[in-house]
C-alpha atoms as a PDB file:
ATOM      1  CA  MET A   1      14.711  -7.977  -0.607  1.00  0.00           C
ATOM      2  CA  ALA A   2      11.467  -6.254  -0.910  1.00  0.00           C
ATOM      3  CA  ILE A   3       8.113  -6.404  -3.178  1.00  0.00           C
ATOM      4  CA  TYR A   4       7.776  -3.150  -5.937  1.00  0.00           C
ATOM      5  CA  LEU A   5      10.154  -0.652  -3.267  1.00  0.00           C
ATOM      6  CA  THR A   6      13.743  -0.670  -2.689  1.00  0.00           C
ATOM      7  CA  LYS A   7      16.893   0.864  -1.774  1.00  0.00           C
ATOM      8  CA  GLU A   8      17.688   1.621  -5.373  1.00  0.00           C
ATOM      9  CA  SER A   9      13.781   3.011  -6.387  1.00  0.00           C
ATOM     10  CA  ARG A  10      14.413   6.752  -7.237  1.00  0.00           C
ATOM     11  CA  VAL A  11      11.026   8.670  -6.649  1.00  0.00           C
ATOM     12  CA  LEU A  12       9.117  11.482  -7.822  1.00  0.00           C
ATOM     13  CA  VAL A  13       6.704  13.391  -6.144  1.00  0.00           C
ATOM     14  CA  GLN A  14       3.397  14.547  -7.608  1.00  0.00           C
ATOM     15  CA  GLY A  15       2.646  17.374  -6.356  1.00  0.00           C
ATOM     16  CA  MET A  16       5.206  18.333  -3.924  1.00  0.00           C
ATOM     17  CA  THR A  17       4.800  21.440  -3.069  1.00  0.00           C
ATOM     18  CA  GLY A  18       1.658  20.991  -1.701  1.00  0.00           C
ATOM     19  CA  ALA A  19       0.660  20.952   2.131  1.00  0.00           C
ATOM     20  CA  GLU A  20       0.298  16.878   2.009  1.00  0.00           C
ATOM     21  CA  GLY A  21       2.645  16.427  -0.733  1.00  0.00           C
ATOM     22  CA  MET A  22       5.285  18.597   1.316  1.00  0.00           C
ATOM     23  CA  LYS A  23       4.371  17.167   4.314  1.00  0.00           C
ATOM     24  CA  HIS A  24       4.934  13.738   3.498  1.00  0.00           C
ATOM     25  CA  THR A  25       8.272  14.379   1.122  1.00  0.00           C
ATOM     26  CA  ARG A  26      10.036  16.001   4.186  1.00  0.00           C
ATOM     27  CA  ARG A  27       8.956  12.446   6.410  1.00  0.00           C
ATOM     28  CA  MET A  28      10.206  10.251   3.278  1.00  0.00           C
ATOM     29  CA  LEU A  29      13.489  11.825   2.848  1.00  0.00           C
ATOM     30  CA  ALA A  30      13.488  11.529   6.458  1.00  0.00           C
ATOM     31  CA  ALA A  31      12.629   7.771   6.571  1.00  0.00           C
ATOM     32  CA  GLY A  32      16.039   7.198   4.020  1.00  0.00           C
ATOM     33  CA  THR A  33      13.945   7.526   0.483  1.00  0.00           C
ATOM     34  CA  ARG A  34      15.342   8.223  -2.755  1.00  0.00           C
ATOM     35  CA  ILE A  35      13.231  11.503  -3.681  1.00  0.00           C
ATOM     36  CA  VAL A  36      14.748  12.924  -6.912  1.00  0.00           C
ATOM     37  CA  GLY A  37      12.431  15.458  -7.688  1.00  0.00           C
ATOM     38  CA  GLY A  38       9.206  16.578  -7.352  1.00  0.00           C
ATOM     39  CA  VAL A  39       6.474  17.400 -10.218  1.00  0.00           C
ATOM     40  CA  ASN A  40       4.557  21.148 -10.751  1.00  0.00           C
ATOM     41  CA  PRO A  41       4.172  21.983 -14.416  1.00  0.00           C
ATOM     42  CA  ARG A  42       3.780  25.963 -12.821  1.00  0.00           C
ATOM     43  CA  LYS A  43       6.596  25.728 -10.750  1.00  0.00           C
ATOM     44  CA  ALA A  44       9.490  24.014 -13.210  1.00  0.00           C
ATOM     45  CA  GLY A  45      12.569  24.712 -12.955  1.00  0.00           C
ATOM     46  CA  ARG A  46      13.081  25.498  -9.348  1.00  0.00           C
ATOM     47  CA  THR A  47      14.114  23.897  -6.449  1.00  0.00           C
ATOM     48  CA  VAL A  48      12.727  23.245  -3.211  1.00  0.00           C
ATOM     49  CA  ASP A  49      14.977  22.908  -0.142  1.00  0.00           C
ATOM     50  CA  VAL A  50      13.466  20.259   2.074  1.00  0.00           C
ATOM     51  CA  ASP A  51      15.258  19.729   5.529  1.00  0.00           C
ATOM     52  CA  GLY A  52      18.707  20.646   3.771  1.00  0.00           C
ATOM     53  CA  THR A  53      17.766  18.607   0.783  1.00  0.00           C
ATOM     54  CA  THR A  54      17.932  20.515  -1.998  1.00  0.00           C
ATOM     55  CA  VAL A  55      14.684  19.046  -4.626  1.00  0.00           C
ATOM     56  CA  PRO A  56      13.909  20.145  -8.019  1.00  0.00           C
ATOM     57  CA  VAL A  57      11.155  20.469  -9.615  1.00  0.00           C
ATOM     58  CA  PHE A  58      10.337  19.454 -13.245  1.00  0.00           C
ATOM     59  CA  GLY A  59       7.321  20.045 -15.092  1.00  0.00           C
ATOM     60  CA  THR A  60       6.679  16.884 -16.577  1.00  0.00           C
ATOM     61  CA  VAL A  61       7.124  13.288 -15.280  1.00  0.00           C
ATOM     62  CA  GLN A  62       9.193  12.507 -18.096  1.00  0.00           C
ATOM     63  CA  GLU A  63      11.333  15.217 -17.829  1.00  0.00           C
ATOM     64  CA  GLY A  64      11.982  13.975 -13.862  1.00  0.00           C
ATOM     65  CA  MET A  65      12.235  10.607 -15.198  1.00  0.00           C
ATOM     66  CA  THR A  66      14.697  11.673 -17.978  1.00  0.00           C
ATOM     67  CA  ALA A  67      16.750  13.743 -15.573  1.00  0.00           C
ATOM     68  CA  THR A  68      16.995  11.814 -13.005  1.00  0.00           C
ATOM     69  CA  GLY A  69      16.343   7.983 -13.469  1.00  0.00           C
ATOM     70  CA  ALA A  70      13.370   8.267 -11.475  1.00  0.00           C
ATOM     71  CA  ASP A  71      11.303   5.171 -11.445  1.00  0.00           C
ATOM     72  CA  VAL A  72       8.585   5.124  -9.111  1.00  0.00           C
ATOM     73  CA  THR A  73       6.042   8.572  -9.170  1.00  0.00           C
ATOM     74  CA  ILE A  74       3.621   9.134  -5.814  1.00  0.00           C
ATOM     75  CA  VAL A  75       0.365  11.004  -6.809  1.00  0.00           C
ATOM     76  CA  PHE A  76      -0.841  13.776  -4.267  1.00  0.00           C
ATOM     77  CA  VAL A  77      -2.266  16.063  -7.055  1.00  0.00           C
ATOM     78  CA  PRO A  78      -6.207  16.429  -5.110  1.00  0.00           C
ATOM     79  CA  PRO A  79      -8.794  14.413  -6.430  1.00  0.00           C
ATOM     80  CA  PRO A  80     -10.204  16.842  -9.794  1.00  0.00           C
ATOM     81  CA  PHE A  81      -6.819  16.880 -11.506  1.00  0.00           C
ATOM     82  CA  ALA A  82      -5.560  13.330 -10.029  1.00  0.00           C
ATOM     83  CA  LYS A  83      -6.748  11.076 -13.409  1.00  0.00           C
ATOM     84  CA  SER A  84      -4.786  13.697 -15.718  1.00  0.00           C
ATOM     85  CA  ALA A  85      -1.642  12.930 -13.145  1.00  0.00           C
ATOM     86  CA  VAL A  86      -1.922   9.333 -13.349  1.00  0.00           C
ATOM     87  CA  ILE A  87      -2.332   9.088 -17.228  1.00  0.00           C
ATOM     88  CA  GLU A  88       0.607  11.525 -18.144  1.00  0.00           C
ATOM     89  CA  ALA A  89       2.888   9.561 -15.654  1.00  0.00           C
ATOM     90  CA  VAL A  90       1.758   6.205 -16.873  1.00  0.00           C
ATOM     91  CA  ASP A  91       2.354   7.842 -20.737  1.00  0.00           C
ATOM     92  CA  ALA A  92       5.649   8.696 -19.248  1.00  0.00           C
ATOM     93  CA  GLY A  93       6.610   4.777 -18.550  1.00  0.00           C
ATOM     94  CA  ILE A  94       7.685   4.846 -14.606  1.00  0.00           C
ATOM     95  CA  ALA A  95       7.159   1.864 -13.591  1.00  0.00           C
ATOM     96  CA  LEU A  96       4.895   2.434 -10.281  1.00  0.00           C
ATOM     97  CA  ALA A  97       2.619   4.846  -9.604  1.00  0.00           C
ATOM     98  CA  VAL A  98       1.706   5.234  -6.127  1.00  0.00           C
ATOM     99  CA  VAL A  99      -1.947   7.303  -6.249  1.00  0.00           C
ATOM    100  CA  ILE A 100      -2.212   8.882  -2.287  1.00  0.00           C
ATOM    101  CA  THR A 101      -5.130  11.015  -3.127  1.00  0.00           C
ATOM    102  CA  GLU A 102      -8.617  10.504  -1.926  1.00  0.00           C
ATOM    103  CA  GLY A 103     -12.023  11.120  -3.499  1.00  0.00           C
ATOM    104  CA  ILE A 104     -11.137  10.477  -6.603  1.00  0.00           C
ATOM    105  CA  PRO A 105     -14.537   9.797  -9.144  1.00  0.00           C
ATOM    106  CA  VAL A 106     -14.942   5.881 -10.093  1.00  0.00           C
ATOM    107  CA  HIS A 107     -15.256   6.490 -13.341  1.00  0.00           C
ATOM    108  CA  ASP A 108     -11.895   8.776 -13.001  1.00  0.00           C
ATOM    109  CA  ALA A 109     -10.111   5.221 -11.477  1.00  0.00           C
ATOM    110  CA  VAL A 110     -11.493   3.280 -14.386  1.00  0.00           C
ATOM    111  CA  ALA A 111     -10.027   5.765 -16.557  1.00  0.00           C
ATOM    112  CA  PHE A 112      -6.258   5.495 -15.574  1.00  0.00           C
ATOM    113  CA  HIS A 113      -6.548   1.876 -14.967  1.00  0.00           C
ATOM    114  CA  ALA A 114      -7.441   0.824 -18.632  1.00  0.00           C
ATOM    115  CA  HIS A 115      -4.830   3.672 -19.258  1.00  0.00           C
ATOM    116  CA  ALA A 116      -2.350   2.069 -17.430  1.00  0.00           C
ATOM    117  CA  ARG A 117      -3.141  -1.642 -18.439  1.00  0.00           C
ATOM    118  CA  ALA A 118      -2.113  -0.922 -22.357  1.00  0.00           C
ATOM    119  CA  GLY A 119       1.216   0.407 -20.486  1.00  0.00           C
ATOM    120  CA  SER A 120       4.161  -0.426 -18.511  1.00  0.00           C
ATOM    121  CA  THR A 121       2.767   0.923 -15.174  1.00  0.00           C
ATOM    122  CA  ARG A 122       2.415  -0.764 -12.012  1.00  0.00           C
ATOM    123  CA  ILE A 123      -0.890   1.232 -10.510  1.00  0.00           C
ATOM    124  CA  ILE A 124      -0.811   1.058  -6.294  1.00  0.00           C
ATOM    125  CA  GLY A 125      -4.283   2.727  -5.054  1.00  0.00           C
ATOM    126  CA  PRO A 126      -5.787   5.051  -5.149  1.00  0.00           C
ATOM    127  CA  ASN A 127      -6.912   6.364  -1.969  1.00  0.00           C
ATOM    128  CA  CYS A 128      -3.818   4.387  -0.305  1.00  0.00           C
ATOM    129  CA  PRO A 129      -0.903   4.732   2.447  1.00  0.00           C
ATOM    130  CA  GLY A 130       1.031   3.964   0.002  1.00  0.00           C
ATOM    131  CA  VAL A 131       4.251   0.855   0.035  1.00  0.00           C
ATOM    132  CA  ILE A 132       7.219   0.913   2.582  1.00  0.00           C
ATOM    133  CA  SER A 133      10.079  -1.606   2.765  1.00  0.00           C
ATOM    134  CA  PRO A 134      11.670  -0.730   5.690  1.00  0.00           C
ATOM    135  CA  GLY A 135      15.105  -0.508   6.213  1.00  0.00           C
ATOM    136  CA  GLN A 136      15.022   0.872   1.960  1.00  0.00           C
ATOM    137  CA  SER A 137      12.452   2.968   1.241  1.00  0.00           C
ATOM    138  CA  ASN A 138       9.071   4.288   2.046  1.00  0.00           C
ATOM    139  CA  ALA A 139       7.019   5.500  -0.707  1.00  0.00           C
ATOM    140  CA  GLY A 140       3.470   7.090   0.124  1.00  0.00           C
ATOM    141  CA  ILE A 141       2.193   7.999   3.759  1.00  0.00           C
ATOM    142  CA  ILE A 142       3.462   5.093   6.259  1.00  0.00           C
ATOM    143  CA  PRO A 143       4.637   5.824   9.648  1.00  0.00           C
ATOM    144  CA  PRO A 144       8.299   4.570   8.892  1.00  0.00           C
ATOM    145  CA  ASP A 145       8.997   4.487  12.782  1.00  0.00           C
ATOM    146  CA  ILE A 146       6.013   1.868  13.412  1.00  0.00           C
ATOM    147  CA  ALA A 147       8.270  -0.235  11.622  1.00  0.00           C
ATOM    148  CA  PRO A 148      11.921   0.578  11.617  1.00  0.00           C
ATOM    149  CA  ALA A 149      13.912  -2.718  10.618  1.00  0.00           C
ATOM    150  CA  PRO A 150      13.030  -5.160   7.960  1.00  0.00           C
ATOM    151  CA  GLY A 151      12.006  -8.370   8.597  1.00  0.00           C
ATOM    152  CA  ARG A 152      10.727 -11.701   7.605  1.00  0.00           C
ATOM    153  CA  ILE A 153       6.706 -10.597   6.939  1.00  0.00           C
ATOM    154  CA  GLY A 154       4.852  -9.278   3.658  1.00  0.00           C
ATOM    155  CA  LEU A 155       2.030  -7.079   4.781  1.00  0.00           C
ATOM    156  CA  VAL A 156      -1.203  -6.828   1.785  1.00  0.00           C
ATOM    157  CA  SER A 157      -4.008  -4.569   3.677  1.00  0.00           C
ATOM    158  CA  LYS A 158      -6.972  -2.585   2.098  1.00  0.00           C
ATOM    159  CA  SER A 159      -7.350  -0.318   5.264  1.00  0.00           C
ATOM    160  CA  GLY A 160      -4.516   2.068   5.988  1.00  0.00           C
ATOM    161  CA  THR A 161      -5.237   2.281   9.807  1.00  0.00           C
ATOM    162  CA  LEU A 162      -4.545  -1.675   9.874  1.00  0.00           C
ATOM    163  CA  THR A 163      -1.348  -1.286   8.088  1.00  0.00           C
ATOM    164  CA  TYR A 164       0.051   0.621  10.490  1.00  0.00           C
ATOM    165  CA  GLN A 165      -1.363  -1.468  14.081  1.00  0.00           C
ATOM    166  CA  LEU A 166      -0.123  -4.780  11.959  1.00  0.00           C
ATOM    167  CA  MET A 167       3.246  -3.139  11.438  1.00  0.00           C
ATOM    168  CA  HIS A 168       3.504  -2.118  14.789  1.00  0.00           C
ATOM    169  CA  GLU A 169       2.092  -5.182  16.536  1.00  0.00           C
ATOM    170  CA  LEU A 170       4.743  -7.568  14.639  1.00  0.00           C
ATOM    171  CA  ARG A 171       7.674  -4.685  14.493  1.00  0.00           C
ATOM    172  CA  ASP A 172       9.749  -7.021  16.718  1.00  0.00           C
ATOM    173  CA  ILE A 173       9.575  -9.705  13.501  1.00  0.00           C
ATOM    174  CA  GLY A 174       9.905  -6.928  10.892  1.00  0.00           C
ATOM    175  CA  PHE A 175       8.516  -6.855   7.238  1.00  0.00           C
ATOM    176  CA  THR A 176       9.890  -7.510   3.972  1.00  0.00           C
ATOM    177  CA  SER A 177       7.144  -4.903   2.742  1.00  0.00           C
ATOM    178  CA  ALA A 178       3.975  -3.270   3.370  1.00  0.00           C
ATOM    179  CA  VAL A 179       1.186  -2.588   0.771  1.00  0.00           C
ATOM    180  CA  GLY A 180      -1.481  -0.542   1.291  1.00  0.00           C
ATOM    181  CA  ILE A 181      -3.515  -1.631  -1.755  1.00  0.00           C
ATOM    182  CA  GLY A 182      -6.507   0.448  -0.954  1.00  0.00           C
ATOM    183  CA  GLY A 183     -10.195   0.384  -0.207  1.00  0.00           C
ATOM    184  CA  ASP A 184     -11.989   1.984  -2.865  1.00  0.00           C
ATOM    185  CA  PRO A 185     -14.378   0.138  -5.616  1.00  0.00           C
ATOM    186  CA  VAL A 186     -11.942   0.056  -8.250  1.00  0.00           C
ATOM    187  CA  ILE A 187      -7.490  -0.217  -7.636  1.00  0.00           C
ATOM    188  CA  GLY A 188      -4.752  -0.952  -9.372  1.00  0.00           C
ATOM    189  CA  THR A 189      -2.437  -3.448  -7.102  1.00  0.00           C
ATOM    190  CA  THR A 190      -4.608  -5.964  -5.824  1.00  0.00           C
ATOM    191  CA  HIS A 191      -4.291  -8.855  -2.751  1.00  0.00           C
ATOM    192  CA  ILE A 192      -3.302 -11.406  -5.533  1.00  0.00           C
ATOM    193  CA  ASP A 193      -1.031  -8.931  -7.032  1.00  0.00           C
ATOM    194  CA  CYS A 194       0.959  -9.440  -3.877  1.00  0.00           C
ATOM    195  CA  LEU A 195       0.491 -12.585  -2.701  1.00  0.00           C
ATOM    196  CA  THR A 196       2.156 -13.405  -5.999  1.00  0.00           C
ATOM    197  CA  ALA A 197       4.843 -11.086  -4.823  1.00  0.00           C
ATOM    198  CA  PHE A 198       6.025 -12.496  -1.665  1.00  0.00           C
ATOM    199  CA  GLU A 199       5.218 -15.883  -3.090  1.00  0.00           C
ATOM    200  CA  GLU A 200       8.348 -15.160  -5.305  1.00  0.00           C
ATOM    201  CA  ASP A 201      10.192 -13.437  -2.409  1.00  0.00           C
ATOM    202  CA  PRO A 202      13.114 -15.187  -0.751  1.00  0.00           C
ATOM    203  CA  ASP A 203      13.044 -13.199   2.370  1.00  0.00           C
ATOM    204  CA  THR A 204       8.628 -13.401   3.063  1.00  0.00           C
ATOM    205  CA  GLU A 205       8.200 -16.702   5.372  1.00  0.00           C
ATOM    206  CA  LEU A 206       5.064 -15.543   5.792  1.00  0.00           C
ATOM    207  CA  ILE A 207       1.830 -12.932   4.083  1.00  0.00           C
ATOM    208  CA  VAL A 208      -0.513 -11.156   6.691  1.00  0.00           C
ATOM    209  CA  LEU A 209      -3.445  -9.971   4.288  1.00  0.00           C
ATOM    210  CA  ILE A 210      -6.178  -7.503   5.675  1.00  0.00           C
ATOM    211  CA  GLY A 211      -9.424  -7.450   3.962  1.00  0.00           C
ATOM    212  CA  GLU A 212     -12.819  -5.768   5.031  1.00  0.00           C
ATOM    213  CA  ILE A 213     -16.481  -6.699   4.144  1.00  0.00           C
ATOM    214  CA  GLY A 214     -17.644  -5.710   0.904  1.00  0.00           C
ATOM    215  CA  GLY A 215     -16.341  -7.147  -2.974  1.00  0.00           C
ATOM    216  CA  ASP A 216     -15.406 -10.828  -3.547  1.00  0.00           C
ATOM    217  CA  ALA A 217     -11.326  -9.444  -3.337  1.00  0.00           C
ATOM    218  CA  GLU A 218     -10.736 -11.661  -0.049  1.00  0.00           C
ATOM    219  CA  GLU A 219     -12.925 -14.762  -1.935  1.00  0.00           C
ATOM    220  CA  ARG A 220     -11.045 -14.696  -5.336  1.00  0.00           C
ATOM    221  CA  ALA A 221      -7.716 -13.945  -2.859  1.00  0.00           C
ATOM    222  CA  ALA A 222      -8.300 -17.281  -0.859  1.00  0.00           C
ATOM    223  CA  ALA A 223      -8.818 -19.210  -4.298  1.00  0.00           C
ATOM    224  CA  HIS A 224      -5.041 -18.280  -5.637  1.00  0.00           C
ATOM    225  CA  ILE A 225      -4.190 -19.374  -2.454  1.00  0.00           C
ATOM    226  CA  ALA A 226      -5.322 -22.938  -2.616  1.00  0.00           C
ATOM    227  CA  ARG A 227      -3.472 -22.805  -6.093  1.00  0.00           C
ATOM    228  CA  HIS A 228      -0.443 -20.699  -6.559  1.00  0.00           C
ATOM    229  CA  VAL A 229       0.600 -19.831  -2.615  1.00  0.00           C
ATOM    230  CA  THR A 230       3.315 -22.382  -0.612  1.00  0.00           C
ATOM    231  CA  LYS A 231       3.799 -19.656   2.497  1.00  0.00           C
ATOM    232  CA  PRO A 232       1.819 -19.819   5.446  1.00  0.00           C
ATOM    233  CA  VAL A 233      -0.656 -16.692   5.134  1.00  0.00           C
ATOM    234  CA  ILE A 234      -2.756 -15.219   8.071  1.00  0.00           C
ATOM    235  CA  ALA A 235      -5.625 -12.905   7.444  1.00  0.00           C
ATOM    236  CA  TYR A 236      -7.789 -10.131   9.584  1.00  0.00           C
ATOM    237  CA  ILE A 237     -11.333  -9.079   7.739  1.00  0.00           C
ATOM    238  CA  ALA A 238     -12.684  -5.726   9.278  1.00  0.00           C
ATOM    239  CA  GLY A 239     -16.360  -5.452   9.789  1.00  0.00           C
ATOM    240  CA  PHE A 240     -18.299  -8.040  11.189  1.00  0.00           C
ATOM    241  CA  THR A 241     -20.643  -5.478  12.605  1.00  0.00           C
ATOM    242  CA  ALA A 242     -21.177  -3.369  10.116  1.00  0.00           C
ATOM    243  CA  PRO A 243     -24.749  -2.902   9.273  1.00  0.00           C
ATOM    244  CA  GLU A 244     -26.048  -3.913   5.662  1.00  0.00           C
ATOM    245  CA  GLY A 245     -26.332  -1.882   3.003  1.00  0.00           C
ATOM    246  CA  ARG A 246     -24.298   0.923   4.781  1.00  0.00           C
ATOM    247  CA  THR A 247     -20.774   2.287   3.210  1.00  0.00           C
ATOM    248  CA  MET A 248     -18.402   2.131   6.063  1.00  0.00           C
ATOM    249  CA  GLY A 249     -15.467   3.703   5.768  1.00  0.00           C
ATOM    250  CA  HIS A 250     -13.994   2.964   2.209  1.00  0.00           C
ATOM    251  CA  ALA A 251     -15.691   3.239  -0.264  1.00  0.00           C
ATOM    252  CA  GLY A 252     -15.834  -0.233  -1.852  1.00  0.00           C
ATOM    253  CA  ALA A 253     -16.637  -1.217   2.056  1.00  0.00           C
ATOM    254  CA  ILE A 254     -20.401  -2.288   1.218  1.00  0.00           C
ATOM    255  CA  VAL A 255     -22.548  -5.159   2.160  1.00  0.00           C
ATOM    256  CA  SER A 256     -25.638  -5.926   0.118  1.00  0.00           C
ATOM    257  CA  GLY A 257     -27.415  -9.090   1.116  1.00  0.00           C
ATOM    258  CA  ALA A 258     -25.144 -12.091   1.711  1.00  0.00           C
ATOM    259  CA  SER A 259     -22.486 -10.747  -0.264  1.00  0.00           C
ATOM    260  CA  GLY A 260     -19.439  -9.351   0.518  1.00  0.00           C
ATOM    261  CA  THR A 261     -19.457 -10.273   3.849  1.00  0.00           C
ATOM    262  CA  ALA A 262     -16.903 -10.378   6.868  1.00  0.00           C
ATOM    263  CA  ALA A 263     -18.688 -14.151   7.503  1.00  0.00           C
ATOM    264  CA  ALA A 264     -18.393 -15.318   3.591  1.00  0.00           C
ATOM    265  CA  LYS A 265     -14.859 -14.123   3.810  1.00  0.00           C
ATOM    266  CA  ARG A 266     -13.325 -15.485   6.533  1.00  0.00           C
ATOM    267  CA  SER A 267     -15.198 -19.205   5.982  1.00  0.00           C
ATOM    268  CA  ALA A 268     -13.754 -18.628   2.168  1.00  0.00           C
ATOM    269  CA  LEU A 269      -9.888 -18.546   4.032  1.00  0.00           C
ATOM    270  CA  GLU A 270     -10.407 -21.199   6.381  1.00  0.00           C
ATOM    271  CA  ALA A 271     -11.012 -23.405   3.764  1.00  0.00           C
ATOM    272  CA  VAL A 272      -7.658 -23.205   2.052  1.00  0.00           C
ATOM    273  CA  GLY A 273      -6.053 -23.223   5.321  1.00  0.00           C
ATOM    274  CA  VAL A 274      -5.831 -19.052   6.309  1.00  0.00           C
ATOM    275  CA  ALA A 275      -6.235 -18.926  10.014  1.00  0.00           C
ATOM    276  CA  VAL A 276      -8.288 -15.529  10.079  1.00  0.00           C
ATOM    277  CA  GLY A 277      -7.913 -13.640  13.589  1.00  0.00           C
ATOM    278  CA  SER A 278     -10.816 -12.184  15.428  1.00  0.00           C
ATOM    279  CA  THR A 279      -9.399  -8.524  16.455  1.00  0.00           C
ATOM    280  CA  PRO A 280      -6.396  -7.259  14.904  1.00  0.00           C
ATOM    281  CA  THR A 281      -3.703  -8.216  17.744  1.00  0.00           C
ATOM    282  CA  GLU A 282      -5.138 -12.068  17.947  1.00  0.00           C
ATOM    283  CA  THR A 283      -4.163 -12.067  13.753  1.00  0.00           C
ATOM    284  CA  ALA A 284      -1.000 -10.658  15.190  1.00  0.00           C
ATOM    285  CA  ASP A 285      -0.580 -13.387  18.019  1.00  0.00           C
ATOM    286  CA  LEU A 286      -1.546 -15.593  15.171  1.00  0.00           C
ATOM    287  CA  ALA A 287       1.190 -14.515  12.920  1.00  0.00           C
ATOM    288  CA  ARG A 288       4.190 -14.583  15.552  1.00  0.00           C
ATOM    289  CA  THR A 289       3.012 -17.860  16.911  1.00  0.00           C
ATOM    290  CA  ARG A 290       3.635 -19.332  13.651  1.00  0.00           C
ATOM    291  CA  LEU A 291       6.883 -17.647  12.914  1.00  0.00           C
ATOM    292  CA  LEU A 292       7.693 -17.700  16.528  1.00  0.00           C
ATOM    293  CA  PRO A 293       6.386 -20.908  18.179  1.00  0.00           C
ATOM    294  CA  GLY A 294       6.092 -20.083  22.200  1.00  0.00           C
ATOM    295  CA  ALA A 295       7.234 -16.414  21.894  1.00  0.00           C
ATOM    296  CA  LEU A 296       5.265 -13.863  23.591  1.00  0.00           C
ATOM    297  CA  PRO A 297       3.840 -10.160  22.373  1.00  0.00           C
ATOM    298  CA  PRO A 298       5.897  -7.051  22.469  1.00  0.00           C
ATOM    299  CA  ALA A 299       5.237  -4.870  25.505  1.00  0.00           C
ATOM    300  CA  GLU A 300       2.104  -2.403  24.437  1.00  0.00           C
ATOM    301  CA  SER A 301       2.391   0.591  23.584  1.00  0.00           C
ATOM    302  CA  SER A 302       0.833   3.309  21.038  1.00  0.00           C
ATOM    303  CA  PRO A 303       2.389   3.007  17.602  1.00  0.00           C
ATOM    304  CA  ALA A 304       4.844   5.653  16.743  1.00  0.00           C
ATOM    305  CA  GLY A 305       2.876   8.450  14.271  1.00  0.00           C
ATOM    306  CA  VAL A 306      -1.088   7.418  14.452  1.00  0.00           C
END
């Protein structure tokens, strides 16, 4: 099984005909994702040939859903237009909207997330790598050949790059799903949402949680784990050496005084029984040891596609 995305998912791509949208549509199709259409109001009614696959272009998300039964949309729309694109998807009632776009103004993200709370659409992102269920479907920009086979680990991560690294380092065990939730100050799906879904998924035996400095999401995740999660959780927190008061990479990754530090997050997680690695590789080794006692790490090689 998997969370949020399966082989049955039927996917639209908003912004498919742009450079990034087309590049990643090609990759997703090659990974077996059921891309059923693109959305671009200026190119409605056309078809696009993607490496031999003919993909129709619709004027709206609603038209695409009506014609194809799509239940997932991936947003590659540029930042000035992303808010309208997400609200359109929410108004159409699509089940899942994966917002890849980075650089969306915070007030726009607040607006479309608030709009989504009144509907039935789950939003992942923005500024995220998406979600992949190896062997089933890939919605976003996660290189599919990093973890080509399904497995027993569920991964939730604020960081795209660390998503790729942990998937590569644990490729010998494999994943049910990996969800990149994004590191912006305002996001849709959270660590807690994914922890809940993985707890309920019978095929997920262990959860890997990747956090980073800034905010209190990891502390809240620790409190949730203590009350509601029975499966083992392994974690990594990025940013132990980040200077105070400086944003590091993600817009949400900023430390102010004692709030949001990596040390505080690590302490909160360890206090509820979560093993926290000091490096991504040590984190992978902790996960492997928990699932495969006595196992050695796989032979070193560079993560494909990274």
